[in-house]
């Protein structure tokens, strides 16, 4: 496939993934059963500033990108589009979709939002243009201060949930379910969105170490472990 065509199709994949991500966040909000960690903070900030949910999302993403500077992280085109596209998509879907009138409808909407979030995450990350501002913040803390990734993620997400809840964000069963379910839901989808004809070719890995067990007999050592992308938001 010509490189220009592959790049165009990857860009479409990125934009589709980001739109679906914004839509999934909006559906979480409309379910009114609790939202994921960063969305709790966004909802809380809505009570502080006279802006729409989407505008708060965009502005907070840009503020988080400023925190990348002391952490020595560099944004890519995917990072910038992530910051700019998800908020407007969320505002559009919030305008189109009302809150269900029954508990069953809200539970179904929450389930749909989490499934859509998993697909959207795998879709936009699979395009190969990088992850969002919030994931980069966690990576930056890990690389700059030597914190384990799990510790950086835990500190950041607990902090934003507490602050968002104090400001009036919606913390509930959906918050807990999202925290534990999204990772396992995204993981099997990642290879699917990296196998398109236009998908970026992974970087070549160094040859595995070898050792001799007998004259003229080579046995390959263990391959390097796969890295698992952080898909939190």
Protein backbone atom coordinates (compact mmCIF):
# COMPACT_ATOMS: atom_id res chain seq x y z
CA UNK A 1 0.00 0.00 0.00
CA UNK A 2 1.38 3.47 -0.88
CA UNK A 3 2.68 5.30 2.17
CA UNK A 4 0.48 8.37 1.58
CA UNK A 5 -2.66 6.24 1.38
CA UNK A 6 -1.69 4.30 4.52
CA UNK A 7 -1.10 7.57 6.38
CA UNK A 8 -4.50 8.90 5.27
CA UNK A 9 -6.29 5.74 6.42
CA UNK A 10 -4.44 5.78 9.75
CA UNK A 11 -5.57 9.40 10.19
CA UNK A 12 -9.18 8.40 9.52
CA UNK A 13 -8.84 5.56 12.04
CA UNK A 14 -7.48 8.00 14.61
CA UNK A 15 -10.33 10.48 14.11
CA UNK A 16 -12.99 7.75 14.21
CA UNK A 17 -11.48 6.37 17.40
CA UNK A 18 -11.40 9.79 19.04
CA UNK A 19 -15.00 10.53 18.06
CA UNK A 20 -16.14 7.18 19.48
CA UNK A 21 -14.15 7.89 22.63
CA UNK A 22 -15.96 11.19 23.13
CA UNK A 23 -19.28 9.48 22.42
CA UNK A 24 -18.56 6.77 24.99
CA UNK A 25 -17.76 9.36 27.65
CA UNK A 26 -21.03 11.17 26.90
CA UNK A 27 -22.99 7.91 27.25
CA UNK A 28 -21.37 7.34 30.64
CA UNK A 29 -22.55 10.77 31.72
CA UNK A 30 -26.09 10.12 30.48
CA UNK A 31 -26.24 6.78 32.33
CA UNK A 32 -25.94 8.67 35.67
CA UNK A 33 -24.41 5.64 37.42
CA UNK A 34 -20.93 7.00 37.93
CA UNK A 35 -18.28 7.87 35.36
CA UNK A 36 -14.60 7.05 34.86
CA UNK A 37 -11.94 8.87 36.87
CA UNK A 38 -11.05 11.80 34.60
CA UNK A 39 -14.69 12.31 33.66
CA UNK A 40 -15.48 12.73 37.38
CA UNK A 41 -13.02 15.64 37.41
CA UNK A 42 -14.51 17.11 34.22
CA UNK A 43 -18.00 17.00 35.70
CA UNK A 44 -16.73 18.63 38.89
CA UNK A 45 -15.08 21.43 36.95
CA UNK A 46 -18.38 22.06 35.16
CA UNK A 47 -19.69 23.28 38.51
CA UNK A 48 -16.81 25.74 38.82
CA UNK A 49 -16.60 27.28 35.34
CA UNK A 50 -19.46 28.33 33.01
CA UNK A 51 -18.40 26.01 30.19
CA UNK A 52 -19.89 22.93 28.55
CA UNK A 53 -18.62 19.44 29.31
CA UNK A 54 -16.72 19.35 26.02
CA UNK A 55 -15.05 22.72 26.50
CA UNK A 56 -13.93 21.71 30.00
CA UNK A 57 -12.50 18.50 28.50
CA UNK A 58 -10.50 20.41 25.88
CA UNK A 59 -9.18 23.05 28.28
CA UNK A 60 -8.21 20.52 30.94
CA UNK A 61 -6.41 18.43 28.31
CA UNK A 62 -4.39 21.47 27.22
CA UNK A 63 -3.54 22.27 30.85
CA UNK A 64 -2.36 18.69 31.37
CA UNK A 65 -0.15 19.04 28.28
CA UNK A 66 1.56 21.99 29.99
CA UNK A 67 2.51 19.58 32.79
CA UNK A 68 4.37 17.53 30.20
CA UNK A 69 7.01 20.27 29.96
CA UNK A 70 8.70 19.68 33.34
CA UNK A 71 8.20 15.93 32.84
CA UNK A 72 10.09 16.15 29.52
CA UNK A 73 7.35 14.51 27.45
CA UNK A 74 6.82 15.39 23.80
CA UNK A 75 3.31 15.43 22.31
CA UNK A 76 2.62 14.05 18.85
CA UNK A 77 -0.17 14.73 16.40
CA UNK A 78 -2.28 12.03 18.05
CA UNK A 79 -1.83 13.69 21.42
CA UNK A 80 -2.94 17.08 20.14
CA UNK A 81 -5.94 15.71 18.24
CA UNK A 82 -6.90 13.74 21.33
CA UNK A 83 -6.96 16.96 23.34
CA UNK A 84 -9.01 18.83 20.73
CA UNK A 85 -11.44 16.22 19.35
CA UNK A 86 -12.86 14.26 22.28
CA UNK A 87 -14.58 17.24 23.94
CA UNK A 88 -16.62 18.37 20.91
CA UNK A 89 -17.61 14.75 20.20
CA UNK A 90 -18.83 14.39 23.78
CA UNK A 91 -20.83 17.63 23.58
CA UNK A 92 -22.51 16.48 20.35
CA UNK A 93 -23.56 13.12 21.79
CA UNK A 94 -24.71 14.72 25.05
CA UNK A 95 -26.97 16.95 22.93
CA UNK A 96 -28.33 13.98 20.96
CA UNK A 97 -28.79 11.37 23.72
CA UNK A 98 -31.09 11.95 26.73
CA UNK A 99 -30.85 10.19 30.08
CA UNK A 100 -32.97 7.00 30.10
CA UNK A 101 -36.06 7.17 32.25
CA UNK A 102 -35.57 3.76 33.89
CA UNK A 103 -32.79 2.10 35.87
CA UNK A 104 -32.63 -0.76 33.37
CA UNK A 105 -32.14 1.72 30.55
CA UNK A 106 -29.36 3.48 32.45
CA UNK A 107 -27.59 0.19 33.20
CA UNK A 108 -27.77 -0.80 29.53
CA UNK A 109 -26.46 2.61 28.51
CA UNK A 110 -23.53 2.27 30.92
CA UNK A 111 -22.70 -1.17 29.52
CA UNK A 112 -22.86 0.20 25.97
CA UNK A 113 -20.62 3.12 26.93
CA UNK A 114 -17.94 0.83 28.36
CA UNK A 115 -18.01 -1.46 25.32
CA UNK A 116 -17.74 1.58 23.03
CA UNK A 117 -14.92 3.00 25.14
CA UNK A 118 -12.93 -0.23 24.75
CA UNK A 119 -13.40 -0.22 20.96
CA UNK A 120 -12.58 3.49 20.71
CA UNK A 121 -9.40 3.14 22.79
CA UNK A 122 -8.07 0.23 20.74
CA UNK A 123 -9.03 2.05 17.54
CA UNK A 124 -7.22 5.32 18.22
CA UNK A 125 -4.15 3.76 19.82
CA UNK A 126 -3.94 1.23 16.98
CA UNK A 127 -3.59 4.09 14.51
CA UNK A 128 -0.08 4.58 15.89
CA UNK A 129 -0.11 8.32 16.51
CA UNK A 130 0.39 8.14 20.27
CA UNK A 131 -1.85 8.28 23.31
CA UNK A 132 -3.55 11.16 25.07
CA UNK A 133 -2.44 13.85 27.47
CA UNK A 134 -3.57 11.96 30.57
CA UNK A 135 -1.69 8.77 29.71
CA UNK A 136 1.40 10.83 28.96
CA UNK A 137 1.19 12.42 32.39
CA UNK A 138 1.45 8.98 34.01
CA UNK A 139 4.29 7.93 31.73
CA UNK A 140 6.10 11.19 32.49
CA UNK A 141 5.88 10.63 36.24
CA UNK A 142 7.26 7.14 35.72
CA UNK A 143 10.19 8.27 33.57
CA UNK A 144 11.02 11.50 35.43
CA UNK A 145 10.80 10.27 39.01
CA UNK A 146 11.20 6.54 38.65
CA UNK A 147 7.75 5.73 40.01
CA UNK A 148 6.32 2.36 38.94
CA UNK A 149 3.68 2.85 36.26
CA UNK A 150 1.02 1.32 38.48
CA UNK A 151 1.90 3.73 41.29
CA UNK A 152 1.86 6.77 38.99
CA UNK A 153 -1.49 5.70 37.57
CA UNK A 154 -2.98 5.04 41.00
CA UNK A 155 -1.83 8.36 42.47
CA UNK A 156 -3.08 10.37 39.50
CA UNK A 157 -6.45 8.64 39.16
CA UNK A 158 -7.25 8.60 42.86
CA UNK A 159 -6.37 12.30 43.02
CA UNK A 160 -8.61 13.29 40.11
CA UNK A 161 -11.51 11.19 41.43
CA UNK A 162 -11.30 12.76 44.90
CA UNK A 163 -10.99 16.30 43.54
CA UNK A 164 -13.78 15.75 41.02
CA UNK A 165 -16.06 14.23 43.65
CA UNK A 166 -15.46 17.15 46.01
CA UNK A 167 -16.43 19.49 43.18
CA UNK A 168 -19.64 17.57 42.51
CA UNK A 169 -18.61 14.93 39.96
CA UNK A 170 -20.63 11.73 39.62
CA UNK A 171 -18.91 8.88 41.51
CA UNK A 172 -20.81 5.60 41.58
CA UNK A 173 -20.81 1.96 40.58
CA UNK A 174 -19.91 2.98 37.03
CA UNK A 175 -16.68 4.53 38.33
CA UNK A 176 -15.64 1.26 39.95
CA UNK A 177 -16.68 -0.88 36.98
CA UNK A 178 -14.81 1.37 34.53
CA UNK A 179 -11.65 1.24 36.66
CA UNK A 180 -11.51 -2.56 36.61
CA UNK A 181 -13.18 -3.46 33.30
CA UNK A 182 -11.66 -1.19 30.66
CA UNK A 183 -8.15 -2.69 30.67
CA UNK A 184 -9.29 -6.30 30.21
CA UNK A 185 -11.81 -5.19 27.56
CA UNK A 186 -9.25 -3.22 25.55
CA UNK A 187 -6.42 -5.78 25.65
CA UNK A 188 -7.91 -8.37 23.25
CA UNK A 189 -9.02 -5.61 20.87
CA UNK A 190 -5.57 -4.07 20.46
CA UNK A 191 -4.24 -6.69 17.99
CA UNK A 192 -7.41 -6.36 15.89
CA UNK A 193 -6.82 -2.65 15.28
CA UNK A 194 -3.13 -3.20 14.51
CA UNK A 195 -3.64 -5.72 11.72
CA UNK A 196 -5.15 -3.49 9.05
CA UNK A 197 -3.20 -3.18 5.79
CA UNK A 198 -2.45 0.46 6.69
CA UNK A 199 -1.40 -0.21 10.29
CA UNK A 200 2.07 1.06 11.26
CA UNK A 201 4.81 -1.54 11.12
CA UNK A 202 6.16 -2.26 14.61
CA UNK A 203 9.78 -1.45 15.25
CA UNK A 204 12.17 -4.34 14.80
CA UNK A 205 13.30 -5.92 18.03
CA UNK A 206 16.87 -6.96 18.77
CA UNK A 207 17.63 -10.62 18.17
CA UNK A 208 17.06 -12.78 21.27
CA UNK A 209 20.08 -13.80 23.28
CA UNK A 210 21.51 -17.26 22.59
CA UNK A 211 23.59 -19.75 24.48
CA UNK A 212 25.28 -23.02 23.62
CA UNK A 213 24.09 -26.26 25.19
CA UNK A 214 26.31 -28.51 23.10
CA UNK A 215 28.84 -28.11 20.29
CA UNK A 216 27.17 -26.49 17.26
CA UNK A 217 23.76 -26.31 19.05
CA UNK A 218 22.16 -22.91 19.72
CA UNK A 219 19.08 -22.40 21.86
CA UNK A 220 17.28 -19.05 21.77
CA UNK A 221 16.83 -17.25 25.04
CA UNK A 222 13.45 -15.88 26.18
CA UNK A 223 11.97 -13.15 23.99
CA UNK A 224 11.50 -9.70 25.48
CA UNK A 225 8.20 -9.15 27.27
CA UNK A 226 5.41 -7.37 25.42
CA UNK A 227 4.61 -3.93 26.72
CA UNK A 228 0.97 -3.25 27.52
CA UNK A 229 -0.26 0.24 26.62
CA UNK A 230 -1.88 2.32 29.30
CA UNK A 231 -5.45 2.90 28.21
CA UNK A 232 -6.74 4.94 31.07
CA UNK A 233 -8.09 8.35 30.57
